[in-house]
Protein backbone atom coordinates (compact mmCIF):
# COMPACT_ATOMS: atom_id res chain seq x y z
CA UNK A 1 -123.52 143.70 -36.20
CA UNK A 2 -125.99 144.08 -33.33
CA UNK A 3 -126.09 140.57 -32.40
CA UNK A 4 -122.07 141.08 -31.94
CA UNK A 5 -122.66 144.71 -29.85
CA UNK A 6 -125.36 142.53 -28.35
CA UNK A 7 -122.91 139.50 -27.82
CA UNK A 8 -120.20 141.66 -26.70
CA UNK A 9 -121.94 143.62 -23.32
CA UNK A 10 -123.75 140.40 -22.20
CA UNK A 11 -119.83 139.35 -22.47
CA UNK A 12 -119.30 141.99 -20.42
CA UNK A 13 -121.53 141.44 -17.75
CA UNK A 14 -120.43 137.26 -17.16
CA UNK A 15 -117.02 138.68 -17.03
CA UNK A 16 -118.01 141.41 -14.40
CA UNK A 17 -119.70 138.98 -12.11
CA UNK A 18 -117.15 136.71 -12.33
CA UNK A 19 -114.06 138.99 -11.85
CA UNK A 20 -116.34 140.01 -8.79
CA UNK A 21 -117.01 136.65 -7.55
CA UNK A 22 -113.14 135.86 -7.19
CA UNK A 23 -113.48 138.92 -4.85
CA UNK A 24 -115.82 138.06 -3.03
CA UNK A 25 -114.45 134.42 -2.83
CA UNK A 26 -111.37 135.88 -1.61
CA UNK A 27 -112.87 137.80 0.89
CA UNK A 28 -114.62 135.18 2.41
CA UNK A 29 -111.88 132.68 2.26
CA UNK A 30 -110.09 135.04 4.92
CA UNK A 31 -113.10 135.09 6.91
CA UNK A 32 -113.84 131.12 6.83
CA UNK A 33 -113.86 129.36 10.18
CA UNK A 34 -112.85 126.57 9.00
CA UNK A 35 -110.28 124.48 7.14
CA UNK A 36 -112.84 122.77 5.32
CA UNK A 37 -114.34 125.53 4.23
CA UNK A 38 -111.33 127.05 3.46
CA UNK A 39 -110.85 124.12 0.91
CA UNK A 40 -114.02 124.60 -1.10
CA UNK A 41 -113.37 128.39 -1.24
CA UNK A 42 -110.16 127.77 -2.77
CA UNK A 43 -111.21 125.12 -5.19
CA UNK A 44 -114.34 127.76 -6.15
CA UNK A 45 -111.44 130.28 -6.33
CA UNK A 46 -109.35 128.90 -8.88
CA UNK A 47 -112.62 127.51 -10.97
CA UNK A 48 -113.81 131.28 -10.92
CA UNK A 49 -110.34 132.07 -12.35
CA UNK A 50 -109.81 130.11 -15.43
CA UNK A 51 -113.47 131.40 -16.25
CA UNK A 52 -111.76 134.71 -16.42
CA UNK A 53 -109.37 133.40 -18.39
CA UNK A 54 -111.49 131.87 -21.15
CA UNK A 55 -113.65 134.96 -21.06
CA UNK A 56 -110.08 136.88 -22.07
CA UNK A 57 -109.62 134.69 -24.07
CA UNK A 58 -112.75 135.32 -25.77
CA UNK A 59 -112.67 139.12 -26.29
CA UNK A 60 -109.04 138.41 -27.84
CA UNK A 61 -110.54 136.69 -30.53
CA UNK A 62 -113.14 139.44 -30.87
CA UNK A 63 -110.39 141.94 -30.90
CA UNK A 64 -112.22 143.46 -27.98
CA UNK A 65 -110.65 143.94 -24.24
CA UNK A 66 -113.03 143.32 -21.11
CA UNK A 67 -113.91 146.32 -19.26
CA UNK A 68 -115.04 144.68 -16.01
CA UNK A 69 -117.38 146.81 -16.39
CA UNK A 70 -121.22 146.29 -15.67
CA UNK A 71 -123.15 146.86 -19.62
CA UNK A 72 -126.64 147.80 -19.21
CA UNK A 73 -126.73 149.02 -22.91
CA UNK A 74 -128.41 145.39 -24.46
CA UNK A 75 -131.17 145.07 -21.51
CA UNK A 76 -132.89 148.79 -22.47
CA UNK A 77 -132.39 147.39 -26.09
CA UNK A 78 -134.34 144.40 -25.23
CA UNK A 79 -136.77 146.34 -22.76
CA UNK A 80 -137.88 148.60 -25.30
CA UNK A 81 -138.37 145.56 -27.76
CA UNK A 82 -140.46 143.93 -25.62
CA UNK A 83 -142.99 147.25 -25.12
CA UNK A 84 -142.95 147.20 -29.29
CA UNK A 85 -144.50 143.64 -29.20
């Protein structure tokens, strides 16, 4: 059960990061000064959106919903374990 919770928290962190990167690429694309740079951001944006879609499929398989919020509970768990060893 702990593994599933930690795994879900990790996937949530990755989901959060990919959603954040998507927003960042949109901003960078708008601010880009050259057509070549715009194309690069568009390509990365497509890839990142694909990552988000795949993560949403993983959540569906787990019967969970991605929150898009950074989870920190598993980090506290691991930090506590390191102190005890």
